[in-house]
Amino acid sequence: MPTPFVNEPFENFDDPAIAARMQHAIDVVRTQLGGEYPLVIGGKKIKTDEMIESVDPSNPDQVVGFVAEGHREHAEQAMQAALKAFESWRKVRRKTAPPFCSRRRT
């Protein structure tokens, strides 16, 4: 079950230790830029011949990665996987369901 969303506390980047941790995290992410990411349907990774380039909107010259391009047959597979998954969780009681599954009643 996913953990509930919580904002991260503010950090003081004037502190050299905090700034160093942040720079390290940025450096790690930079090593992952340009990766290829398959479709995931029903828990299965699906590679396709066509890829879509994803760029950083604040720096369009920076390629974030390449994602597999889905087609009509992938949409159908995703719908079938969703319907199958629905059968297993549709009877989950609201109190035990993750918070994102609840509906606000007016």
PDB file of N, CA and C in Angstrom:
ATOM      1  N   MET A   1       0.844  -1.165   0.000  1.00  0.00           N
ATOM      2  CA  MET A   1       0.000   0.000   0.000  1.00  0.00           C
ATOM      3  C   MET A   1       0.899   1.241   0.000  1.00  0.00           C
ATOM      4  N   PRO A   2       0.605   2.231  -0.838  1.00  0.00           N
ATOM      5  CA  PRO A   2       1.433   3.435  -0.870  1.00  0.00           C
ATOM      6  C   PRO A   2       1.331   4.206   0.440  1.00  0.00           C
ATOM      7  N   THR A   3       2.406   4.884   0.759  1.00  0.00           N
ATOM      8  CA  THR A   3       2.380   5.719   1.956  1.00  0.00           C
ATOM      9  C   THR A   3       1.657   7.020   1.633  1.00  0.00           C
ATOM     10  N   PRO A   4       1.016   7.628   2.609  1.00  0.00           N
ATOM     11  CA  PRO A   4       0.305   8.883   2.358  1.00  0.00           C
ATOM     12  C   PRO A   4       1.276   9.992   1.953  1.00  0.00           C
ATOM     13  N   PHE A   5       0.779  10.927   1.160  1.00  0.00           N
ATOM     14  CA  PHE A   5       1.593  12.055   0.728  1.00  0.00           C
ATOM     15  C   PHE A   5       1.875  12.970   1.911  1.00  0.00           C
ATOM     16  N   VAL A   6       3.133  13.352   2.051  1.00  0.00           N
ATOM     17  CA  VAL A   6       3.541  14.312   3.069  1.00  0.00           C
ATOM     18  C   VAL A   6       4.597  15.205   2.434  1.00  0.00           C
ATOM     19  N   ASN A   7       4.447  16.518   2.589  1.00  0.00           N
ATOM     20  CA  ASN A   7       5.470  17.425   2.094  1.00  0.00           C
ATOM     21  C   ASN A   7       6.776  17.201   2.838  1.00  0.00           C
ATOM     22  N   GLU A   8       7.871  17.320   2.129  1.00  0.00           N
ATOM     23  CA  GLU A   8       9.184  17.224   2.770  1.00  0.00           C
ATOM     24  C   GLU A   8       9.438  18.494   3.572  1.00  0.00           C
ATOM     25  N   PRO A   9      10.164  18.395   4.663  1.00  0.00           N
ATOM     26  CA  PRO A   9      10.463  19.608   5.433  1.00  0.00           C
ATOM     27  C   PRO A   9      11.414  20.512   4.647  1.00  0.00           C
ATOM     28  N   PHE A  10      11.373  21.794   4.948  1.00  0.00           N
ATOM     29  CA  PHE A  10      12.286  22.740   4.319  1.00  0.00           C
ATOM     30  C   PHE A  10      13.718  22.435   4.758  1.00  0.00           C
ATOM     31  N   GLU A  11      14.661  22.677   3.867  1.00  0.00           N
ATOM     32  CA  GLU A  11      16.078  22.471   4.171  1.00  0.00           C
ATOM     33  C   GLU A  11      16.826  23.781   3.989  1.00  0.00           C
ATOM     34  N   ASN A  12      17.883  23.951   4.754  1.00  0.00           N
ATOM     35  CA  ASN A  12      18.728  25.137   4.651  1.00  0.00           C
ATOM     36  C   ASN A  12      19.960  24.754   3.831  1.00  0.00           C
ATOM     37  N   PHE A  13      19.961  25.158   2.555  1.00  0.00           N
ATOM     38  CA  PHE A  13      21.059  24.781   1.672  1.00  0.00           C
ATOM     39  C   PHE A  13      22.320  25.597   1.902  1.00  0.00           C
ATOM     40  N   ASP A  14      22.289  26.508   2.866  1.00  0.00           N
ATOM     41  CA  ASP A  14      23.525  27.173   3.300  1.00  0.00           C
ATOM     42  C   ASP A  14      24.370  26.219   4.144  1.00  0.00           C
ATOM     43  N   ASP A  15      23.734  25.184   4.668  1.00  0.00           N
ATOM     44  CA  ASP A  15      24.446  24.162   5.446  1.00  0.00           C
ATOM     45  C   ASP A  15      25.198  23.278   4.446  1.00  0.00           C
ATOM     46  N   PRO A  16      26.539  23.231   4.519  1.00  0.00           N
ATOM     47  CA  PRO A  16      27.329  22.466   3.538  1.00  0.00           C
ATOM     48  C   PRO A  16      26.947  20.987   3.454  1.00  0.00           C
ATOM     49  N   ALA A  17      26.581  20.372   4.561  1.00  0.00           N
ATOM     50  CA  ALA A  17      26.216  18.950   4.541  1.00  0.00           C
ATOM     51  C   ALA A  17      24.919  18.737   3.764  1.00  0.00           C
ATOM     52  N   ILE A  18      23.959  19.610   3.973  1.00  0.00           N
ATOM     53  CA  ILE A  18      22.684  19.501   3.257  1.00  0.00           C
ATOM     54  C   ILE A  18      22.886  19.784   1.775  1.00  0.00           C
ATOM     55  N   ALA A  19      23.658  20.804   1.462  1.00  0.00           N
ATOM     56  CA  ALA A  19      23.934  21.141   0.060  1.00  0.00           C
ATOM     57  C   ALA A  19      24.660  19.986  -0.635  1.00  0.00           C
ATOM     58  N   ALA A  20      25.580  19.343   0.065  1.00  0.00           N
ATOM     59  CA  ALA A  20      26.319  18.215  -0.520  1.00  0.00           C
ATOM     60  C   ALA A  20      25.389  17.033  -0.798  1.00  0.00           C
ATOM     61  N   ARG A  21      24.470  16.748   0.124  1.00  0.00           N
ATOM     62  CA  ARG A  21      23.505  15.654  -0.091  1.00  0.00           C
ATOM     63  C   ARG A  21      22.624  15.946  -1.299  1.00  0.00           C
ATOM     64  N   MET A  22      22.193  17.198  -1.427  1.00  0.00           N
ATOM     65  CA  MET A  22      21.356  17.572  -2.563  1.00  0.00           C
ATOM     66  C   MET A  22      22.133  17.444  -3.867  1.00  0.00           C
ATOM     67  N   GLN A  23      23.369  17.916  -3.876  1.00  0.00           N
ATOM     68  CA  GLN A  23      24.180  17.818  -5.086  1.00  0.00           C
ATOM     69  C   GLN A  23      24.421  16.365  -5.465  1.00  0.00           C
ATOM     70  N   HIS A  24      24.646  15.520  -4.465  1.00  0.00           N
ATOM     71  CA  HIS A  24      24.822  14.093  -4.730  1.00  0.00           C
ATOM     72  C   HIS A  24      23.568  13.511  -5.376  1.00  0.00           C
ATOM     73  N   ALA A  25      22.389  13.855  -4.842  1.00  0.00           N
ATOM     74  CA  ALA A  25      21.131  13.357  -5.403  1.00  0.00           C
ATOM     75  C   ALA A  25      20.965  13.817  -6.849  1.00  0.00           C
ATOM     76  N   ILE A  26      21.299  15.058  -7.130  1.00  0.00           N
ATOM     77  CA  ILE A  26      21.213  15.580  -8.499  1.00  0.00           C
ATOM     78  C   ILE A  26      22.164  14.823  -9.409  1.00  0.00           C
ATOM     79  N   ASP A  27      23.377  14.579  -8.933  1.00  0.00           N
ATOM     80  CA  ASP A  27      24.362  13.848  -9.736  1.00  0.00           C
ATOM     81  C   ASP A  27      23.882  12.434 -10.054  1.00  0.00           C
ATOM     82  N   VAL A  28      23.240  11.776  -9.081  1.00  0.00           N
ATOM     83  CA  VAL A  28      22.716  10.424  -9.305  1.00  0.00           C
ATOM     84  C   VAL A  28      21.635  10.457 -10.382  1.00  0.00           C
ATOM     85  N   VAL A  29      20.724  11.412 -10.300  1.00  0.00           N
ATOM     86  CA  VAL A  29      19.650  11.512 -11.292  1.00  0.00           C
ATOM     87  C   VAL A  29      20.230  11.783 -12.677  1.00  0.00           C
ATOM     88  N   ARG A  30      21.241  12.618 -12.763  1.00  0.00           N
ATOM     89  CA  ARG A  30      21.847  12.913 -14.068  1.00  0.00           C
ATOM     90  C   ARG A  30      22.408  11.668 -14.733  1.00  0.00           C
ATOM     91  N   THR A  31      22.879  10.701 -13.952  1.00  0.00           N
ATOM     92  CA  THR A  31      23.401   9.473 -14.547  1.00  0.00           C
ATOM     93  C   THR A  31      22.288   8.629 -15.155  1.00  0.00           C
ATOM     94  N   GLN A  32      21.046   8.896 -14.763  1.00  0.00           N
ATOM     95  CA  GLN A  32      19.912   8.110 -15.244  1.00  0.00           C
ATOM     96  C   GLN A  32      19.216   8.765 -16.436  1.00  0.00           C
ATOM     97  N   LEU A  33      19.599   9.983 -16.794  1.00  0.00           N
ATOM     98  CA  LEU A  33      18.975  10.668 -17.914  1.00  0.00           C
ATOM     99  C   LEU A  33      19.255   9.930 -19.214  1.00  0.00           C
ATOM    100  N   GLY A  34      18.279   9.951 -20.111  1.00  0.00           N
ATOM    101  CA  GLY A  34      18.451   9.315 -21.416  1.00  0.00           C
ATOM    102  C   GLY A  34      18.110   7.839 -21.440  1.00  0.00           C
ATOM    103  N   GLY A  35      17.589   7.320 -20.342  1.00  0.00           N
ATOM    104  CA  GLY A  35      17.235   5.906 -20.292  1.00  0.00           C
ATOM    105  C   GLY A  35      16.026   5.583 -21.140  1.00  0.00           C
ATOM    106  N   GLU A  36      15.814   4.302 -21.369  1.00  0.00           N
ATOM    107  CA  GLU A  36      14.659   3.839 -22.123  1.00  0.00           C
ATOM    108  C   GLU A  36      13.685   3.162 -21.166  1.00  0.00           C
ATOM    109  N   TYR A  37      12.405   3.472 -21.355  1.00  0.00           N
ATOM    110  CA  TYR A  37      11.370   2.983 -20.457  1.00  0.00           C
ATOM    111  C   TYR A  37      10.263   2.304 -21.254  1.00  0.00           C
ATOM    112  N   PRO A  38      10.008   1.022 -20.964  1.00  0.00           N
ATOM    113  CA  PRO A  38       8.968   0.294 -21.691  1.00  0.00           C
ATOM    114  C   PRO A  38       7.583   0.653 -21.169  1.00  0.00           C
ATOM    115  N   LEU A  39       6.565   0.216 -21.904  1.00  0.00           N
ATOM    116  CA  LEU A  39       5.207   0.268 -21.386  1.00  0.00           C
ATOM    117  C   LEU A  39       5.124  -0.774 -20.275  1.00  0.00           C
ATOM    118  N   VAL A  40       4.253  -0.568 -19.318  1.00  0.00           N
ATOM    119  CA  VAL A  40       3.991  -1.589 -18.302  1.00  0.00           C
ATOM    120  C   VAL A  40       2.487  -1.806 -18.293  1.00  0.00           C
ATOM    121  N   ILE A  41       2.082  -2.986 -18.718  1.00  0.00           N
ATOM    122  CA  ILE A  41       0.668  -3.324 -18.804  1.00  0.00           C
ATOM    123  C   ILE A  41       0.440  -4.626 -18.062  1.00  0.00           C
ATOM    124  N   GLY A  42      -0.404  -4.572 -17.063  1.00  0.00           N
ATOM    125  CA  GLY A  42      -0.682  -5.777 -16.278  1.00  0.00           C
ATOM    126  C   GLY A  42       0.561  -6.302 -15.591  1.00  0.00           C
ATOM    127  N   GLY A  43       1.465  -5.405 -15.235  1.00  0.00           N
ATOM    128  CA  GLY A  43       2.694  -5.797 -14.559  1.00  0.00           C
ATOM    129  C   GLY A  43       3.788  -6.320 -15.483  1.00  0.00           C
ATOM    130  N   LYS A  44       3.511  -6.359 -16.786  1.00  0.00           N
ATOM    131  CA  LYS A  44       4.504  -6.855 -17.746  1.00  0.00           C
ATOM    132  C   LYS A  44       5.112  -5.689 -18.513  1.00  0.00           C
ATOM    133  N   LYS A  45       6.431  -5.718 -18.664  1.00  0.00           N
ATOM    134  CA  LYS A  45       7.121  -4.688 -19.436  1.00  0.00           C
ATOM    135  C   LYS A  45       7.022  -5.027 -20.919  1.00  0.00           C
ATOM    136  N   ILE A  46       6.634  -4.031 -21.709  1.00  0.00           N
ATOM    137  CA  ILE A  46       6.467  -4.235 -23.154  1.00  0.00           C
ATOM    138  C   ILE A  46       7.309  -3.206 -23.891  1.00  0.00           C
ATOM    139  N   LYS A  47       8.279  -3.705 -24.654  1.00  0.00           N
ATOM    140  CA  LYS A  47       9.108  -2.823 -25.471  1.00  0.00           C
ATOM    141  C   LYS A  47       8.476  -2.702 -26.850  1.00  0.00           C
ATOM    142  N   THR A  48       8.587  -1.531 -27.439  1.00  0.00           N
ATOM    143  CA  THR A  48       8.090  -1.328 -28.795  1.00  0.00           C
ATOM    144  C   THR A  48       9.234  -0.794 -29.649  1.00  0.00           C
ATOM    145  N   ASP A  49       9.066  -0.888 -30.946  1.00  0.00           N
ATOM    146  CA  ASP A  49      10.105  -0.386 -31.855  1.00  0.00           C
ATOM    147  C   ASP A  49      10.159   1.135 -31.859  1.00  0.00           C
ATOM    148  N   GLU A  50       9.014   1.777 -31.638  1.00  0.00           N
ATOM    149  CA  GLU A  50       8.968   3.239 -31.648  1.00  0.00           C
ATOM    150  C   GLU A  50       9.100   3.781 -30.231  1.00  0.00           C
ATOM    151  N   MET A  51       9.899   4.832 -30.085  1.00  0.00           N
ATOM    152  CA  MET A  51      10.099   5.460 -28.787  1.00  0.00           C
ATOM    153  C   MET A  51       9.727   6.942 -28.896  1.00  0.00           C
ATOM    154  N   ILE A  52       9.251   7.501 -27.806  1.00  0.00           N
ATOM    155  CA  ILE A  52       8.917   8.918 -27.726  1.00  0.00           C
ATOM    156  C   ILE A  52       9.965   9.587 -26.856  1.00  0.00           C
ATOM    157  N   GLU A  53      10.567  10.629 -27.380  1.00  0.00           N
ATOM    158  CA  GLU A  53      11.584  11.365 -26.627  1.00  0.00           C
ATOM    159  C   GLU A  53      10.898  12.278 -25.612  1.00  0.00           C
ATOM    160  N   SER A  54      11.310  12.175 -24.365  1.00  0.00           N
ATOM    161  CA  SER A  54      10.789  13.031 -23.300  1.00  0.00           C
ATOM    162  C   SER A  54      11.887  14.003 -22.900  1.00  0.00           C
ATOM    163  N   VAL A  55      11.557  15.294 -22.949  1.00  0.00           N
ATOM    164  CA  VAL A  55      12.551  16.313 -22.634  1.00  0.00           C
ATOM    165  C   VAL A  55      12.149  17.099 -21.394  1.00  0.00           C
ATOM    166  N   ASP A  56      13.123  17.740 -20.798  1.00  0.00           N
ATOM    167  CA  ASP A  56      12.900  18.616 -19.653  1.00  0.00           C
ATOM    168  C   ASP A  56      12.208  19.879 -20.174  1.00  0.00           C
ATOM    169  N   PRO A  57      10.984  20.167 -19.727  1.00  0.00           N
ATOM    170  CA  PRO A  57      10.284  21.340 -20.265  1.00  0.00           C
ATOM    171  C   PRO A  57      11.000  22.658 -19.961  1.00  0.00           C
ATOM    172  N   SER A  58      11.811  22.690 -18.917  1.00  0.00           N
ATOM    173  CA  SER A  58      12.542  23.921 -18.610  1.00  0.00           C
ATOM    174  C   SER A  58      13.855  24.012 -19.384  1.00  0.00           C
ATOM    175  N   ASN A  59      14.254  22.901 -20.014  1.00  0.00           N
ATOM    176  CA  ASN A  59      15.477  22.856 -20.813  1.00  0.00           C
ATOM    177  C   ASN A  59      15.270  21.829 -21.927  1.00  0.00           C
ATOM    178  N   PRO A  60      14.590  22.230 -23.004  1.00  0.00           N
ATOM    179  CA  PRO A  60      14.236  21.266 -24.059  1.00  0.00           C
ATOM    180  C   PRO A  60      15.420  20.572 -24.730  1.00  0.00           C
ATOM    181  N   ASP A  61      16.618  21.067 -24.527  1.00  0.00           N
ATOM    182  CA  ASP A  61      17.788  20.387 -25.077  1.00  0.00           C
ATOM    183  C   ASP A  61      18.185  19.175 -24.234  1.00  0.00           C
ATOM    184  N   GLN A  62      17.629  19.067 -23.026  1.00  0.00           N
ATOM    185  CA  GLN A  62      17.967  17.969 -22.122  1.00  0.00           C
ATOM    186  C   GLN A  62      16.951  16.833 -22.276  1.00  0.00           C
ATOM    187  N   VAL A  63      17.417  15.708 -22.799  1.00  0.00           N
ATOM    188  CA  VAL A  63      16.543  14.536 -22.938  1.00  0.00           C
ATOM    189  C   VAL A  63      16.480  13.821 -21.590  1.00  0.00           C
ATOM    190  N   VAL A  64      15.266  13.676 -21.075  1.00  0.00           N
ATOM    191  CA  VAL A  64      15.062  12.974 -19.816  1.00  0.00           C
ATOM    192  C   VAL A  64      15.113  11.468 -20.056  1.00  0.00           C
ATOM    193  N   GLY A  65      14.468  11.041 -21.129  1.00  0.00           N
ATOM    194  CA  GLY A  65      14.455   9.618 -21.445  1.00  0.00           C
ATOM    195  C   GLY A  65      13.619   9.348 -22.676  1.00  0.00           C
ATOM    196  N   PHE A  66      13.505   8.075 -22.993  1.00  0.00           N
ATOM    197  CA  PHE A  66      12.735   7.632 -24.143  1.00  0.00           C
ATOM    198  C   PHE A  66      11.724   6.606 -23.648  1.00  0.00           C
ATOM    199  N   VAL A  67      10.457   6.855 -23.948  1.00  0.00           N
ATOM    200  CA  VAL A  67       9.398   5.947 -23.504  1.00  0.00           C
ATOM    201  C   VAL A  67       8.818   5.209 -24.700  1.00  0.00           C
ATOM    202  N   ALA A  68       8.446   3.966 -24.476  1.00  0.00           N
ATOM    203  CA  ALA A  68       7.870   3.157 -25.542  1.00  0.00           C
ATOM    204  C   ALA A  68       6.562   3.782 -26.010  1.00  0.00           C
ATOM    205  N   GLU A  69       6.380   3.828 -27.308  1.00  0.00           N
ATOM    206  CA  GLU A  69       5.145   4.383 -27.878  1.00  0.00           C
ATOM    207  C   GLU A  69       4.091   3.293 -27.944  1.00  0.00           C
ATOM    208  N   GLY A  70       2.980   3.538 -27.293  1.00  0.00           N
ATOM    209  CA  GLY A  70       1.891   2.580 -27.312  1.00  0.00           C
ATOM    210  C   GLY A  70       0.968   2.806 -28.498  1.00  0.00           C
ATOM    211  N   HIS A  71       0.292   1.752 -28.898  1.00  0.00           N
ATOM    212  CA  HIS A  71      -0.635   1.811 -30.020  1.00  0.00           C
ATOM    213  C   HIS A  71      -1.992   1.244 -29.589  1.00  0.00           C
ATOM    214  N   ARG A  72      -2.897   1.173 -30.523  1.00  0.00           N
ATOM    215  CA  ARG A  72      -4.258   0.724 -30.236  1.00  0.00           C
ATOM    216  C   ARG A  72      -4.269  -0.631 -29.513  1.00  0.00           C
ATOM    217  N   GLU A  73      -3.437  -1.560 -29.975  1.00  0.00           N
ATOM    218  CA  GLU A  73      -3.447  -2.886 -29.339  1.00  0.00           C
ATOM    219  C   GLU A  73      -2.966  -2.814 -27.885  1.00  0.00           C
ATOM    220  N   HIS A  74      -2.070  -1.868 -27.593  1.00  0.00           N
ATOM    221  CA  HIS A  74      -1.605  -1.701 -26.211  1.00  0.00           C
ATOM    222  C   HIS A  74      -2.707  -1.105 -25.348  1.00  0.00           C
ATOM    223  N   ALA A  75      -3.476  -0.186 -25.928  1.00  0.00           N
ATOM    224  CA  ALA A  75      -4.602   0.382 -25.188  1.00  0.00           C
ATOM    225  C   ALA A  75      -5.618  -0.705 -24.852  1.00  0.00           C
ATOM    226  N   GLU A  76      -5.864  -1.604 -25.786  1.00  0.00           N
ATOM    227  CA  GLU A  76      -6.795  -2.706 -25.535  1.00  0.00           C
ATOM    228  C   GLU A  76      -6.243  -3.636 -24.454  1.00  0.00           C
ATOM    229  N   GLN A  77      -4.947  -3.939 -24.518  1.00  0.00           N
ATOM    230  CA  GLN A  77      -4.323  -4.782 -23.487  1.00  0.00           C
ATOM    231  C   GLN A  77      -4.435  -4.112 -22.111  1.00  0.00           C
ATOM    232  N   ALA A  78      -4.222  -2.790 -22.077  1.00  0.00           N
ATOM    233  CA  ALA A  78      -4.301  -2.053 -20.812  1.00  0.00           C
ATOM    234  C   ALA A  78      -5.730  -2.074 -20.263  1.00  0.00           C
ATOM    235  N   MET A  79      -6.716  -1.933 -21.135  1.00  0.00           N
ATOM    236  CA  MET A  79      -8.111  -1.995 -20.694  1.00  0.00           C
ATOM    237  C   MET A  79      -8.440  -3.377 -20.130  1.00  0.00           C
ATOM    238  N   GLN A  80      -7.995  -4.408 -20.807  1.00  0.00           N
ATOM    239  CA  GLN A  80      -8.261  -5.765 -20.320  1.00  0.00           C
ATOM    240  C   GLN A  80      -7.572  -6.016 -18.981  1.00  0.00           C
ATOM    241  N   ALA A  81      -6.342  -5.516 -18.839  1.00  0.00           N
ATOM    242  CA  ALA A  81      -5.619  -5.673 -17.574  1.00  0.00           C
ATOM    243  C   ALA A  81      -6.330  -4.902 -16.459  1.00  0.00           C
ATOM    244  N   ALA A  82      -6.835  -3.717 -16.772  1.00  0.00           N
ATOM    245  CA  ALA A  82      -7.550  -2.926 -15.773  1.00  0.00           C
ATOM    246  C   ALA A  82      -8.842  -3.616 -15.344  1.00  0.00           C
ATOM    247  N   LEU A  83      -9.565  -4.159 -16.301  1.00  0.00           N
ATOM    248  CA  LEU A  83     -10.801  -4.877 -15.962  1.00  0.00           C
ATOM    249  C   LEU A  83     -10.512  -6.107 -15.103  1.00  0.00           C
ATOM    250  N   LYS A  84      -9.433  -6.798 -15.426  1.00  0.00           N
ATOM    251  CA  LYS A  84      -9.041  -7.974 -14.634  1.00  0.00           C
ATOM    252  C   LYS A  84      -8.652  -7.553 -13.217  1.00  0.00           C
ATOM    253  N   ALA A  85      -7.876  -6.475 -13.103  1.00  0.00           N
ATOM    254  CA  ALA A  85      -7.465  -5.981 -11.783  1.00  0.00           C
ATOM    255  C   ALA A  85      -8.676  -5.517 -10.980  1.00  0.00           C
ATOM    256  N   PHE A  86      -9.625  -4.900 -11.663  1.00  0.00           N
ATOM    257  CA  PHE A  86     -10.825  -4.420 -10.990  1.00  0.00           C
ATOM    258  C   PHE A  86     -11.552  -5.548 -10.272  1.00  0.00           C
ATOM    259  N   GLU A  87     -11.584  -6.721 -10.877  1.00  0.00           N
ATOM    260  CA  GLU A  87     -12.273  -7.860 -10.266  1.00  0.00           C
ATOM    261  C   GLU A  87     -11.657  -8.218  -8.911  1.00  0.00           C
ATOM    262  N   SER A  88     -10.349  -8.032  -8.772  1.00  0.00           N
ATOM    263  CA  SER A  88      -9.698  -8.428  -7.517  1.00  0.00           C
ATOM    264  C   SER A  88      -9.813  -7.374  -6.426  1.00  0.00           C
ATOM    265  N   TRP A  89     -10.017  -6.108  -6.785  1.00  0.00           N
ATOM    266  CA  TRP A  89     -10.077  -5.092  -5.729  1.00  0.00           C
ATOM    267  C   TRP A  89     -11.416  -4.407  -5.593  1.00  0.00           C
ATOM    268  N   ARG A  90     -12.386  -4.762  -6.408  1.00  0.00           N
ATOM    269  CA  ARG A  90     -13.673  -4.070  -6.346  1.00  0.00           C
ATOM    270  C   ARG A  90     -14.441  -4.348  -5.065  1.00  0.00           C
ATOM    271  N   LYS A  91     -14.128  -5.444  -4.407  1.00  0.00           N
ATOM    272  CA  LYS A  91     -14.844  -5.792  -3.177  1.00  0.00           C
ATOM    273  C   LYS A  91     -14.078  -5.367  -1.924  1.00  0.00           C
ATOM    274  N   VAL A  92     -12.972  -4.654  -2.099  1.00  0.00           N
ATOM    275  CA  VAL A  92     -12.190  -4.192  -0.948  1.00  0.00           C
ATOM    276  C   VAL A  92     -13.031  -3.183  -0.180  1.00  0.00           C
ATOM    277  N   ARG A  93     -13.139  -3.393   1.090  1.00  0.00           N
ATOM    278  CA  ARG A  93     -13.921  -2.468   1.913  1.00  0.00           C
ATOM    279  C   ARG A  93     -13.254  -1.102   1.925  1.00  0.00           C
ATOM    280  N   ARG A  94     -14.060  -0.095   1.953  1.00  0.00           N
ATOM    281  CA  ARG A  94     -13.555   1.277   1.871  1.00  0.00           C
ATOM    282  C   ARG A  94     -12.553   1.578   2.976  1.00  0.00           C
ATOM    283  N   LYS A  95     -12.768   1.078   4.165  1.00  0.00           N
ATOM    284  CA  LYS A  95     -11.862   1.371   5.281  1.00  0.00           C
ATOM    285  C   LYS A  95     -10.488   0.757   5.081  1.00  0.00           C
ATOM    286  N   THR A  96     -10.373  -0.315   4.282  1.00  0.00           N
ATOM    287  CA  THR A  96      -9.076  -0.946   4.058  1.00  0.00           C
ATOM    288  C   THR A  96      -8.448  -0.517   2.743  1.00  0.00           C
ATOM    289  N   ALA A  97      -9.203   0.207   1.926  1.00  0.00           N
ATOM    290  CA  ALA A  97      -8.670   0.656   0.635  1.00  0.00           C
ATOM    291  C   ALA A  97      -7.722   1.833   0.846  1.00  0.00           C
ATOM    292  N   PRO A  98      -6.741   1.986  -0.047  1.00  0.00           N
ATOM    293  CA  PRO A  98      -5.850   3.151   0.049  1.00  0.00           C
ATOM    294  C   PRO A  98      -6.665   4.439  -0.064  1.00  0.00           C
ATOM    295  N   PRO A  99      -6.178   5.549   0.541  1.00  0.00           N
ATOM    296  CA  PRO A  99      -6.933   6.797   0.537  1.00  0.00           C
ATOM    297  C   PRO A  99      -7.276   7.317  -0.853  1.00  0.00           C
ATOM    298  N   PHE A 100      -6.436   7.040  -1.852  1.00  0.00           N
ATOM    299  CA  PHE A 100      -6.726   7.560  -3.189  1.00  0.00           C
ATOM    300  C   PHE A 100      -7.910   6.873  -3.839  1.00  0.00           C
ATOM    301  N   CYS A 101      -8.407   5.794  -3.225  1.00  0.00           N
ATOM    302  CA  CYS A 101      -9.550   5.085  -3.791  1.00  0.00           C
ATOM    303  C   CYS A 101     -10.883   5.606  -3.252  1.00  0.00           C
ATOM    304  N   SER A 102     -10.842   6.416  -2.223  1.00  0.00           N
ATOM    305  CA  SER A 102     -12.107   6.865  -1.642  1.00  0.00           C
ATOM    306  C   SER A 102     -12.668   8.042  -2.428  1.00  0.00           C
ATOM    307  N   ARG A 103     -13.973   8.139  -2.381  1.00  0.00           N
ATOM    308  CA  ARG A 103     -14.657   9.242  -3.045  1.00  0.00           C
ATOM    309  C   ARG A 103     -15.229  10.157  -1.983  1.00  0.00           C
ATOM    310  N   ARG A 104     -15.089  11.429  -2.225  1.00  0.00           N
ATOM    311  CA  ARG A 104     -15.669  12.398  -1.292  1.00  0.00           C
ATOM    312  C   ARG A 104     -17.165  12.478  -1.575  1.00  0.00           C
ATOM    313  N   ARG A 105     -17.928  12.328  -0.549  1.00  0.00           N
ATOM    314  CA  ARG A 105     -19.387  12.390  -0.715  1.00  0.00           C
ATOM    315  C   ARG A 105     -19.866  13.775  -0.308  1.00  0.00           C
ATOM    316  N   THR A 106     -20.776  14.318  -1.110  1.00  0.00           N
ATOM    317  CA  THR A 106     -21.313  15.650  -0.800  1.00  0.00           C
ATOM    318  C   THR A 106     -22.746  15.580  -0.350  1.00  0.00           C
TER     319      THR A 106
END
